[in-house]
Amino acid sequence: MNDTSIWFGRPGSLRRLWAPVGGIEATRARDTSVFSNKSGGTRTTKALEAARQYVLNYNVLGRASFEYLNQFAQGHMGAGPWVFIDPGRRNLLTVNQSSATSQAGDTRGFRIASGVGSAISSAASPWGGLPRMLNWAFSSSAPASPSLELSKPSAVSGWYGYPVINRPYTFWCDVVSSGGAIDVNLQIDWYGLTGSVVSSSITASAVSTSTTVPKRVALANVTPPATAAWAMAYVTPVSGTIAAGETLSFLDFQLQEGTSPDPQWTGGTGVYPVTFVGMPERYGYDEPGMLVGPNAVLQEVR
């Protein structure tokens, strides 16, 4: 069963929010310009990146519930930024990560953390689906401790990975190899509030890739320790199964809440810090304990 709750607050101290009766506006806005060219045609330009503004439409809210959010709006909880986990977004990874480089056509969001080789964005795979894939090519046999990191979504100070709460998570991808089969593991490192590693989870047994059809590799149903505030995801192939000239090709990635991979891949848009834009304070006649229309507005920042 999926967790449909909204989570908000300071990293490491998230609290379940009340579901707004009026729903949540969560449009991801990409700046778009429309202009005419000299031939009388129309052209558009669209920004590569985007950001969400969340509007929690509370029709009415009790004073105690209002004050919890108002503490963040007015600075009682410090300057922020804050964590907002939207249950409507299944994949926690960024657009370029989840789409295996299809958004940007480059490897932003990925880093070879250890070992040798090179990671590149490659043209469309013969298996259809996304227009590009991530290729990790190995230049030598049995590289030492090979590890491909899916980098943290934001460079904001104090944002050490993907924010998590104490519930099960699953990290998975679809992968195929060329040149020979490679055994692949997935790993999640759990970080404490200040960015130190608390513990790691790794697949119980490596999956041997195929050179003809994609295979799914999944690290399923792993729960962060109680002291974990962040997660970082890695691909860690078995060194002894790698020969020089072989390549791993990744078709998609997903980091999600839940005990098993979703039946269908969902594109991610990242989990970014949010700041409080505003929250009107208005109460009805002679009833200061009941707020009317206190819609909370939160803005993603990078």
C-alpha atoms as a PDB file:
ATOM      1  CA  MET A   1       0.000   0.000   0.000  1.00  0.00           C
ATOM      2  CA  ASN A   2       1.393   3.407  -0.959  1.00  0.00           C
ATOM      3  CA  ASP A   3       1.823   6.251   1.489  1.00  0.00           C
ATOM      4  CA  THR A   4      -0.536   9.001   0.324  1.00  0.00           C
ATOM      5  CA  SER A   5       0.374  11.432   3.115  1.00  0.00           C
ATOM      6  CA  ILE A   6       1.918  14.875   2.612  1.00  0.00           C
ATOM      7  CA  TRP A   7       5.157  15.363   4.560  1.00  0.00           C
ATOM      8  CA  PHE A   8       6.642  18.753   5.433  1.00  0.00           C
ATOM      9  CA  GLY A   9       9.142  20.312   7.815  1.00  0.00           C
ATOM     10  CA  ARG A  10      12.784  20.546   8.759  1.00  0.00           C
ATOM     11  CA  PRO A  11      15.062  17.844   7.293  1.00  0.00           C
ATOM     12  CA  GLY A  12      15.065  14.869   9.628  1.00  0.00           C
ATOM     13  CA  SER A  13      11.947  16.110  11.470  1.00  0.00           C
ATOM     14  CA  LEU A  14       9.164  15.857   8.931  1.00  0.00           C
ATOM     15  CA  ARG A  15       5.538  15.899   9.982  1.00  0.00           C
ATOM     16  CA  ARG A  16       2.462  14.573   8.210  1.00  0.00           C
ATOM     17  CA  LEU A  17       0.275  17.448   7.048  1.00  0.00           C
ATOM     18  CA  TRP A  18      -3.490  17.535   6.910  1.00  0.00           C
ATOM     19  CA  ALA A  19      -4.911  16.862   3.468  1.00  0.00           C
ATOM     20  CA  PRO A  20      -6.277  20.161   2.096  1.00  0.00           C
ATOM     21  CA  VAL A  21     -10.006  19.946   1.387  1.00  0.00           C
ATOM     22  CA  GLY A  22      -9.493  22.142  -1.685  1.00  0.00           C
ATOM     23  CA  GLY A  23      -6.650  19.990  -3.000  1.00  0.00           C
ATOM     24  CA  ILE A  24      -3.083  20.885  -3.949  1.00  0.00           C
ATOM     25  CA  GLU A  25      -1.881  22.881  -6.934  1.00  0.00           C
ATOM     26  CA  ALA A  26       1.526  21.517  -7.966  1.00  0.00           C
ATOM     27  CA  THR A  27       2.166  22.650 -11.541  1.00  0.00           C
ATOM     28  CA  ARG A  28       5.803  22.441 -12.644  1.00  0.00           C
ATOM     29  CA  ALA A  29       6.364  25.674 -14.559  1.00  0.00           C
ATOM     30  CA  ARG A  30       8.911  25.764 -17.417  1.00  0.00           C
ATOM     31  CA  ASP A  31       9.517  29.259 -18.773  1.00  0.00           C
ATOM     32  CA  THR A  32       8.251  29.413 -22.356  1.00  0.00           C
ATOM     33  CA  SER A  33       8.575  32.251 -24.864  1.00  0.00           C
ATOM     34  CA  VAL A  34       6.563  32.494 -28.091  1.00  0.00           C
ATOM     35  CA  PHE A  35       7.772  34.752 -30.912  1.00  0.00           C
ATOM     36  CA  SER A  36       7.350  35.268 -34.656  1.00  0.00           C
ATOM     37  CA  ASN A  37      10.173  34.872 -37.163  1.00  0.00           C
ATOM     38  CA  LYS A  38      10.776  36.900 -40.335  1.00  0.00           C
ATOM     39  CA  SER A  39       8.905  34.383 -42.491  1.00  0.00           C
ATOM     40  CA  GLY A  40       5.702  34.878 -40.555  1.00  0.00           C
ATOM     41  CA  GLY A  41       6.039  31.601 -38.689  1.00  0.00           C
ATOM     42  CA  THR A  42       5.945  31.067 -34.955  1.00  0.00           C
ATOM     43  CA  ARG A  43       8.764  29.757 -32.811  1.00  0.00           C
ATOM     44  CA  THR A  44       8.982  28.884 -29.138  1.00  0.00           C
ATOM     45  CA  THR A  45      11.787  28.525 -26.668  1.00  0.00           C
ATOM     46  CA  LYS A  46      11.369  26.548 -23.460  1.00  0.00           C
ATOM     47  CA  ALA A  47      13.663  26.405 -20.452  1.00  0.00           C
ATOM     48  CA  LEU A  48      15.336  23.081 -19.760  1.00  0.00           C
ATOM     49  CA  GLU A  49      14.735  23.213 -16.028  1.00  0.00           C
ATOM     50  CA  ALA A  50      11.604  24.130 -14.113  1.00  0.00           C
ATOM     51  CA  ALA A  51      10.250  24.517 -10.594  1.00  0.00           C
ATOM     52  CA  ARG A  52       7.022  23.768  -8.802  1.00  0.00           C
ATOM     53  CA  GLN A  53       4.948  26.107  -6.697  1.00  0.00           C
ATOM     54  CA  TYR A  54       2.753  24.201  -4.285  1.00  0.00           C
ATOM     55  CA  VAL A  55      -0.516  25.736  -3.117  1.00  0.00           C
ATOM     56  CA  LEU A  56      -2.233  23.842  -0.307  1.00  0.00           C
ATOM     57  CA  ASN A  57      -5.859  24.928  -0.529  1.00  0.00           C
ATOM     58  CA  TYR A  58      -7.198  24.764   3.024  1.00  0.00           C
ATOM     59  CA  ASN A  59     -10.791  25.942   3.042  1.00  0.00           C
ATOM     60  CA  VAL A  60     -10.749  26.109   6.828  1.00  0.00           C
ATOM     61  CA  LEU A  61      -8.105  25.170   9.377  1.00  0.00           C
ATOM     62  CA  GLY A  62      -8.101  25.039  13.154  1.00  0.00           C
ATOM     63  CA  ARG A  63      -5.822  27.462  14.959  1.00  0.00           C
ATOM     64  CA  ALA A  64      -3.472  24.752  16.287  1.00  0.00           C
ATOM     65  CA  SER A  65      -3.024  23.247  12.819  1.00  0.00           C
ATOM     66  CA  PHE A  66      -2.548  26.680  11.291  1.00  0.00           C
ATOM     67  CA  GLU A  67       0.126  27.627  13.805  1.00  0.00           C
ATOM     68  CA  TYR A  68       2.331  24.665  12.891  1.00  0.00           C
ATOM     69  CA  LEU A  69       2.611  25.933   9.314  1.00  0.00           C
ATOM     70  CA  ASN A  70       2.685  29.559  10.391  1.00  0.00           C
ATOM     71  CA  GLN A  71       5.840  28.894  12.437  1.00  0.00           C
ATOM     72  CA  PHE A  72       7.661  28.182   9.165  1.00  0.00           C
ATOM     73  CA  ALA A  73       6.060  31.123   7.372  1.00  0.00           C
ATOM     74  CA  GLN A  74       7.020  33.627  10.073  1.00  0.00           C
ATOM     75  CA  GLY A  75      10.566  32.429  10.796  1.00  0.00           C
ATOM     76  CA  HIS A  76      10.140  30.654  14.117  1.00  0.00           C
ATOM     77  CA  MET A  77      11.746  27.573  12.534  1.00  0.00           C
ATOM     78  CA  GLY A  78      14.634  29.525  11.032  1.00  0.00           C
ATOM     79  CA  ALA A  79      15.304  30.580   7.467  1.00  0.00           C
ATOM     80  CA  GLY A  80      14.910  27.167   5.855  1.00  0.00           C
ATOM     81  CA  PRO A  81      14.722  25.858   3.231  1.00  0.00           C
ATOM     82  CA  TRP A  82      12.282  23.056   4.033  1.00  0.00           C
ATOM     83  CA  VAL A  83      11.359  19.594   2.820  1.00  0.00           C
ATOM     84  CA  PHE A  84       8.037  18.981   1.074  1.00  0.00           C
ATOM     85  CA  ILE A  85       7.306  15.411  -0.042  1.00  0.00           C
ATOM     86  CA  ASP A  86       4.458  15.274  -2.541  1.00  0.00           C
ATOM     87  CA  PRO A  87       2.726  11.851  -2.582  1.00  0.00           C
ATOM     88  CA  GLY A  88       1.625  12.543  -6.153  1.00  0.00           C
ATOM     89  CA  ARG A  89       5.217  12.287  -7.429  1.00  0.00           C
ATOM     90  CA  ARG A  90       6.214   8.608  -7.426  1.00  0.00           C
ATOM     91  CA  ASN A  91       9.779   8.935  -8.703  1.00  0.00           C
ATOM     92  CA  LEU A  92      12.036  11.000  -6.446  1.00  0.00           C
ATOM     93  CA  LEU A  93      14.826  11.330  -9.033  1.00  0.00           C
ATOM     94  CA  THR A  94      15.377  14.344 -11.281  1.00  0.00           C
ATOM     95  CA  VAL A  95      14.158  14.510 -14.882  1.00  0.00           C
ATOM     96  CA  ASN A  96      17.577  13.766 -16.400  1.00  0.00           C
ATOM     97  CA  GLN A  97      18.297  10.972 -13.922  1.00  0.00           C
ATOM     98  CA  SER A  98      14.958   9.206 -14.227  1.00  0.00           C
ATOM     99  CA  SER A  99      15.003   9.489 -18.034  1.00  0.00           C
ATOM    100  CA  ALA A 100      18.572   8.124 -18.276  1.00  0.00           C
ATOM    101  CA  THR A 101      19.860  11.435 -19.792  1.00  0.00           C
ATOM    102  CA  SER A 102      16.930  11.957 -22.220  1.00  0.00           C
ATOM    103  CA  GLN A 103      16.098  15.427 -20.878  1.00  0.00           C
ATOM    104  CA  ALA A 104      19.459  17.166 -21.294  1.00  0.00           C
ATOM    105  CA  GLY A 105      21.304  14.772 -23.593  1.00  0.00           C
ATOM    106  CA  ASP A 106      24.239  14.744 -21.196  1.00  0.00           C
ATOM    107  CA  THR A 107      25.230  13.092 -17.926  1.00  0.00           C
ATOM    108  CA  ARG A 108      24.273  15.827 -15.471  1.00  0.00           C
ATOM    109  CA  GLY A 109      22.964  14.137 -12.326  1.00  0.00           C
ATOM    110  CA  PHE A 110      25.351  11.186 -12.696  1.00  0.00           C
ATOM    111  CA  ARG A 111      28.941  10.754 -11.490  1.00  0.00           C
ATOM    112  CA  ILE A 112      31.415   7.877 -11.571  1.00  0.00           C
ATOM    113  CA  ALA A 113      32.148   7.816  -7.851  1.00  0.00           C
ATOM    114  CA  SER A 114      34.880   5.187  -8.039  1.00  0.00           C
ATOM    115  CA  GLY A 115      36.486   2.822 -10.536  1.00  0.00           C
ATOM    116  CA  VAL A 116      37.325   3.661 -14.130  1.00  0.00           C
ATOM    117  CA  GLY A 117      35.457   4.123 -17.375  1.00  0.00           C
ATOM    118  CA  SER A 118      33.319   6.854 -18.857  1.00  0.00           C
ATOM    119  CA  ALA A 119      29.629   7.709 -18.738  1.00  0.00           C
ATOM    120  CA  ILE A 120      27.959   9.265 -21.773  1.00  0.00           C
ATOM    121  CA  SER A 121      24.475   9.985 -23.039  1.00  0.00           C
ATOM    122  CA  SER A 122      23.722   7.797 -26.044  1.00  0.00           C
ATOM    123  CA  ALA A 123      21.130   7.979 -28.819  1.00  0.00           C
ATOM    124  CA  ALA A 124      17.913   5.999 -28.766  1.00  0.00           C
ATOM    125  CA  SER A 125      18.151   2.339 -27.854  1.00  0.00           C
ATOM    126  CA  PRO A 126      16.738  -0.435 -30.060  1.00  0.00           C
ATOM    127  CA  TRP A 127      14.318  -1.328 -27.244  1.00  0.00           C
ATOM    128  CA  GLY A 128      12.167   1.779 -27.699  1.00  0.00           C
ATOM    129  CA  GLY A 129      10.832   3.854 -24.839  1.00  0.00           C
ATOM    130  CA  LEU A 130      12.930   6.897 -23.971  1.00  0.00           C
ATOM    131  CA  PRO A 131      14.876   8.722 -26.698  1.00  0.00           C
ATOM    132  CA  ARG A 132      18.265   8.334 -24.991  1.00  0.00           C
ATOM    133  CA  MET A 133      20.064   6.057 -22.559  1.00  0.00           C
ATOM    134  CA  LEU A 134      23.046   6.264 -20.221  1.00  0.00           C
ATOM    135  CA  ASN A 135      26.098   4.243 -21.286  1.00  0.00           C
ATOM    136  CA  TRP A 136      28.821   3.342 -18.783  1.00  0.00           C
ATOM    137  CA  ALA A 137      31.818   2.043 -20.735  1.00  0.00           C
ATOM    138  CA  PHE A 138      34.717   0.270 -19.017  1.00  0.00           C
ATOM    139  CA  SER A 139      38.264   0.782 -20.267  1.00  0.00           C
ATOM    140  CA  SER A 140      39.880  -1.943 -18.167  1.00  0.00           C
ATOM    141  CA  SER A 141      39.010  -5.338 -16.729  1.00  0.00           C
ATOM    142  CA  ALA A 142      37.993  -5.761 -13.089  1.00  0.00           C
ATOM    143  CA  PRO A 143      38.098  -2.052 -12.123  1.00  0.00           C
ATOM    144  CA  ALA A 144      38.436  -1.422  -8.394  1.00  0.00           C
ATOM    145  CA  SER A 145      35.094  -0.866  -6.626  1.00  0.00           C
ATOM    146  CA  PRO A 146      33.138   0.549  -9.610  1.00  0.00           C
ATOM    147  CA  SER A 147      30.333   2.850  -8.519  1.00  0.00           C
ATOM    148  CA  LEU A 148      27.988   5.154 -10.450  1.00  0.00           C
ATOM    149  CA  GLU A 149      26.376   7.798  -8.276  1.00  0.00           C
ATOM    150  CA  LEU A 150      23.022   9.441  -8.895  1.00  0.00           C
ATOM    151  CA  SER A 151      23.928  12.861  -7.546  1.00  0.00           C
ATOM    152  CA  LYS A 152      21.870  14.858  -5.047  1.00  0.00           C
ATOM    153  CA  PRO A 153      19.186  17.011  -6.699  1.00  0.00           C
ATOM    154  CA  SER A 154      20.111  20.373  -5.184  1.00  0.00           C
ATOM    155  CA  ALA A 155      23.335  22.252  -4.439  1.00  0.00           C
ATOM    156  CA  VAL A 156      21.659  24.252  -1.655  1.00  0.00           C
ATOM    157  CA  SER A 157      23.748  24.153   1.514  1.00  0.00           C
ATOM    158  CA  GLY A 158      22.574  21.478   3.941  1.00  0.00           C
ATOM    159  CA  TRP A 159      20.762  19.455   1.256  1.00  0.00           C
ATOM    160  CA  TYR A 160      22.690  16.160   1.338  1.00  0.00           C
ATOM    161  CA  GLY A 161      20.615  13.895  -0.908  1.00  0.00           C
ATOM    162  CA  TYR A 162      17.026  12.853  -1.351  1.00  0.00           C
ATOM    163  CA  PRO A 163      14.984  13.488   1.808  1.00  0.00           C
ATOM    164  CA  VAL A 164      13.476  10.333   3.315  1.00  0.00           C
ATOM    165  CA  ILE A 165      11.258   9.309   6.196  1.00  0.00           C
ATOM    166  CA  ASN A 166      11.069   6.021   8.093  1.00  0.00           C
ATOM    167  CA  ARG A 167       9.176   3.890   5.555  1.00  0.00           C
ATOM    168  CA  PRO A 168      10.144   1.335   2.865  1.00  0.00           C
ATOM    169  CA  TYR A 169      11.843   2.487  -0.359  1.00  0.00           C
ATOM    170  CA  THR A 170      12.668   0.786  -3.663  1.00  0.00           C
ATOM    171  CA  PHE A 171      15.365   1.754  -6.179  1.00  0.00           C
ATOM    172  CA  TRP A 172      15.327   0.126  -9.623  1.00  0.00           C
ATOM    173  CA  CYS A 173      16.472   0.455 -13.225  1.00  0.00           C
ATOM    174  CA  ASP A 174      16.381  -1.386 -16.545  1.00  0.00           C
ATOM    175  CA  VAL A 175      19.790  -2.262 -17.957  1.00  0.00           C
ATOM    176  CA  VAL A 176      21.400  -4.162 -20.824  1.00  0.00           C
ATOM    177  CA  SER A 177      25.080  -4.827 -21.549  1.00  0.00           C
ATOM    178  CA  SER A 178      27.284  -5.129 -24.612  1.00  0.00           C
ATOM    179  CA  GLY A 179      30.412  -7.214 -24.992  1.00  0.00           C
ATOM    180  CA  GLY A 180      29.416  -9.651 -22.250  1.00  0.00           C
ATOM    181  CA  ALA A 181      27.269 -10.185 -19.163  1.00  0.00           C
ATOM    182  CA  ILE A 182      28.004  -8.045 -16.079  1.00  0.00           C
ATOM    183  CA  ASP A 183      26.662  -8.695 -12.591  1.00  0.00           C
ATOM    184  CA  VAL A 184      24.956  -5.530 -11.267  1.00  0.00           C
ATOM    185  CA  ASN A 185      24.056  -4.485  -7.728  1.00  0.00           C
ATOM    186  CA  LEU A 186      22.186  -1.388  -6.577  1.00  0.00           C
ATOM    187  CA  GLN A 187      22.969   0.452  -3.349  1.00  0.00           C
ATOM    188  CA  ILE A 188      21.405   3.157  -1.183  1.00  0.00           C
ATOM    189  CA  ASP A 189      23.499   5.013   1.378  1.00  0.00           C
ATOM    190  CA  TRP A 190      21.477   6.479   4.232  1.00  0.00           C
ATOM    191  CA  TYR A 191      22.782   9.815   5.525  1.00  0.00           C
ATOM    192  CA  GLY A 192      22.212  11.503   8.855  1.00  0.00           C
ATOM    193  CA  LEU A 193      20.995  15.081   9.167  1.00  0.00           C
ATOM    194  CA  THR A 194      24.450  16.612   8.638  1.00  0.00           C
ATOM    195  CA  GLY A 195      25.441  14.401   5.701  1.00  0.00           C
ATOM    196  CA  SER A 196      27.382  11.578   7.359  1.00  0.00           C
ATOM    197  CA  VAL A 197      26.702   7.975   6.265  1.00  0.00           C
ATOM    198  CA  VAL A 198      24.627   6.079   8.829  1.00  0.00           C
ATOM    199  CA  SER A 199      24.317   2.762   6.978  1.00  0.00           C
ATOM    200  CA  SER A 200      23.958   1.241   3.501  1.00  0.00           C
ATOM    201  CA  SER A 201      21.515  -1.126   1.813  1.00  0.00           C
ATOM    202  CA  ILE A 202      22.528  -3.288  -1.154  1.00  0.00           C
ATOM    203  CA  THR A 203      20.769  -5.858  -3.320  1.00  0.00           C
ATOM    204  CA  ALA A 204      20.798  -9.327  -1.776  1.00  0.00           C
ATOM    205  CA  SER A 205      22.147 -10.875  -4.979  1.00  0.00           C
ATOM    206  CA  ALA A 206      23.541  -9.302  -8.142  1.00  0.00           C
ATOM    207  CA  VAL A 207      21.588  -9.512 -11.410  1.00  0.00           C
ATOM    208  CA  SER A 208      23.515 -10.811 -14.421  1.00  0.00           C
ATOM    209  CA  THR A 209      22.789  -8.620 -17.432  1.00  0.00           C
ATOM    210  CA  SER A 210      21.873  -9.787 -20.920  1.00  0.00           C
ATOM    211  CA  THR A 211      23.354  -8.484 -24.166  1.00  0.00           C
ATOM    212  CA  THR A 212      20.097  -9.001 -26.061  1.00  0.00           C
ATOM    213  CA  VAL A 213      17.236  -7.895 -23.799  1.00  0.00           C
ATOM    214  CA  PRO A 214      16.999  -5.390 -20.916  1.00  0.00           C
ATOM    215  CA  LYS A 215      16.816  -6.773 -17.382  1.00  0.00           C
ATOM    216  CA  ARG A 216      15.368  -5.092 -14.332  1.00  0.00           C
ATOM    217  CA  VAL A 217      17.625  -4.663 -11.313  1.00  0.00           C
ATOM    218  CA  ALA A 218      15.865  -3.711  -8.077  1.00  0.00           C
ATOM    219  CA  LEU A 219      16.819  -2.916  -4.519  1.00  0.00           C
ATOM    220  CA  ALA A 220      13.386  -3.392  -2.991  1.00  0.00           C
ATOM    221  CA  ASN A 221      11.744  -2.860   0.381  1.00  0.00           C
ATOM    222  CA  VAL A 222      14.616  -1.213   2.275  1.00  0.00           C
ATOM    223  CA  THR A 223      13.854   1.048   5.211  1.00  0.00           C
ATOM    224  CA  PRO A 224      16.172   3.830   6.387  1.00  0.00           C
ATOM    225  CA  PRO A 225      17.376   3.741   9.992  1.00  0.00           C
ATOM    226  CA  ALA A 226      15.590   6.024  12.414  1.00  0.00           C
ATOM    227  CA  THR A 227      18.465   8.534  12.350  1.00  0.00           C
ATOM    228  CA  ALA A 228      18.532   8.857   8.545  1.00  0.00           C
ATOM    229  CA  ALA A 229      17.354  12.074   6.891  1.00  0.00           C
ATOM    230  CA  TRP A 230      18.738  11.595   3.356  1.00  0.00           C
ATOM    231  CA  ALA A 231      19.354   8.891   0.755  1.00  0.00           C
ATOM    232  CA  MET A 232      21.879   8.610  -2.063  1.00  0.00           C
ATOM    233  CA  ALA A 233      21.557   5.945  -4.788  1.00  0.00           C
ATOM    234  CA  TYR A 234      24.331   4.066  -6.596  1.00  0.00           C
ATOM    235  CA  VAL A 235      24.880   1.386  -9.234  1.00  0.00           C
ATOM    236  CA  THR A 236      27.674  -0.940  -8.076  1.00  0.00           C
ATOM    237  CA  PRO A 237      28.517  -3.679 -10.604  1.00  0.00           C
ATOM    238  CA  VAL A 238      30.621  -6.650  -9.485  1.00  0.00           C
ATOM    239  CA  SER A 239      34.198  -5.823 -10.440  1.00  0.00           C
ATOM    240  CA  GLY A 240      35.271  -9.371 -11.325  1.00  0.00           C
ATOM    241  CA  THR A 241      32.530  -9.717 -13.951  1.00  0.00           C
ATOM    242  CA  ILE A 242      33.711  -6.682 -15.978  1.00  0.00           C
ATOM    243  CA  ALA A 243      36.067  -6.990 -18.965  1.00  0.00           C
ATOM    244  CA  ALA A 244      37.742  -4.155 -20.857  1.00  0.00           C
ATOM    245  CA  GLY A 245      35.517  -2.813 -23.645  1.00  0.00           C
ATOM    246  CA  GLU A 246      32.220  -3.857 -22.070  1.00  0.00           C
ATOM    247  CA  THR A 247      29.382  -1.361 -21.549  1.00  0.00           C
ATOM    248  CA  LEU A 248      26.339  -1.095 -19.317  1.00  0.00           C
ATOM    249  CA  SER A 249      23.373   0.748 -20.872  1.00  0.00           C
ATOM    250  CA  PHE A 250      20.673   2.078 -18.551  1.00  0.00           C
ATOM    251  CA  LEU A 251      17.213   2.702 -20.014  1.00  0.00           C
ATOM    252  CA  ASP A 252      15.523   4.315 -16.992  1.00  0.00           C
ATOM    253  CA  PHE A 253      15.832   4.806 -13.226  1.00  0.00           C
ATOM    254  CA  GLN A 254      13.299   5.065 -10.399  1.00  0.00           C
ATOM    255  CA  LEU A 255      13.665   5.767  -6.671  1.00  0.00           C
ATOM    256  CA  GLN A 256      10.278   5.460  -5.002  1.00  0.00           C
ATOM    257  CA  GLU A 257       8.401   4.867  -1.805  1.00  0.00           C
ATOM    258  CA  GLY A 258       7.100   1.284  -1.494  1.00  0.00           C
ATOM    259  CA  THR A 259       8.087  -2.337  -1.055  1.00  0.00           C
ATOM    260  CA  SER A 260       8.456  -3.299  -4.734  1.00  0.00           C
ATOM    261  CA  PRO A 261       9.023  -1.645  -8.135  1.00  0.00           C
ATOM    262  CA  ASP A 262       5.952  -0.036  -9.653  1.00  0.00           C
ATOM    263  CA  PRO A 263       4.532  -1.975 -12.629  1.00  0.00           C
ATOM    264  CA  GLN A 264       5.273   1.019 -14.844  1.00  0.00           C
ATOM    265  CA  TRP A 265       8.136   3.525 -14.815  1.00  0.00           C
ATOM    266  CA  THR A 266       7.203   7.112 -13.904  1.00  0.00           C
ATOM    267  CA  GLY A 267       9.294  10.139 -14.819  1.00  0.00           C
ATOM    268  CA  GLY A 268      10.724  11.987 -11.842  1.00  0.00           C
ATOM    269  CA  THR A 269      11.075  15.746 -11.350  1.00  0.00           C
ATOM    270  CA  GLY A 270      13.316  15.707  -8.274  1.00  0.00           C
ATOM    271  CA  VAL A 271      12.746  16.623  -4.633  1.00  0.00           C
ATOM    272  CA  TYR A 272      14.016  20.163  -4.118  1.00  0.00           C
ATOM    273  CA  PRO A 273      14.082  22.499  -1.117  1.00  0.00           C
ATOM    274  CA  VAL A 274      11.046  24.729  -0.686  1.00  0.00           C
ATOM    275  CA  THR A 275      10.612  28.150   0.871  1.00  0.00           C
ATOM    276  CA  PHE A 276       7.447  29.646   2.326  1.00  0.00           C
ATOM    277  CA  VAL A 277       5.946  32.293   0.039  1.00  0.00           C
ATOM    278  CA  GLY A 278       2.912  33.115   2.136  1.00  0.00           C
ATOM    279  CA  MET A 279      -0.123  31.992   4.119  1.00  0.00           C
ATOM    280  CA  PRO A 280      -3.067  34.401   4.645  1.00  0.00           C
ATOM    281  CA  GLU A 281      -4.435  34.686   8.178  1.00  0.00           C
ATOM    282  CA  ARG A 282      -8.164  35.377   8.238  1.00  0.00           C
ATOM    283  CA  TYR A 283     -10.740  34.135  10.727  1.00  0.00           C
ATOM    284  CA  GLY A 284     -14.506  34.363  10.832  1.00  0.00           C
ATOM    285  CA  TYR A 285     -16.547  36.741  12.958  1.00  0.00           C
ATOM    286  CA  ASP A 286     -15.976  36.150  16.686  1.00  0.00           C
ATOM    287  CA  GLU A 287     -14.119  32.872  16.021  1.00  0.00           C
ATOM    288  CA  PRO A 288     -10.327  33.419  16.068  1.00  0.00           C
ATOM    289  CA  GLY A 289      -9.809  29.699  16.577  1.00  0.00           C
ATOM    290  CA  MET A 290     -10.924  28.837  13.032  1.00  0.00           C
ATOM    291  CA  LEU A 291      -8.969  30.158  10.043  1.00  0.00           C
ATOM    292  CA  VAL A 292     -10.775  30.760   6.743  1.00  0.00           C
ATOM    293  CA  GLY A 293      -8.961  30.065   3.462  1.00  0.00           C
ATOM    294  CA  PRO A 294      -5.385  29.949   4.852  1.00  0.00           C
ATOM    295  CA  ASN A 295      -3.814  28.609   1.655  1.00  0.00           C
ATOM    296  CA  ALA A 296      -0.140  27.752   2.177  1.00  0.00           C
ATOM    297  CA  VAL A 297       2.134  28.633  -0.789  1.00  0.00           C
ATOM    298  CA  LEU A 298       5.512  26.895  -1.071  1.00  0.00           C
ATOM    299  CA  GLN A 299       8.104  27.500  -3.803  1.00  0.00           C
ATOM    300  CA  GLU A 300      10.799  25.073  -4.967  1.00  0.00           C
ATOM    301  CA  VAL A 301      14.309  26.554  -5.013  1.00  0.00           C
ATOM    302  CA  ARG A 302      17.629  25.250  -6.406  1.00  0.00           C
END
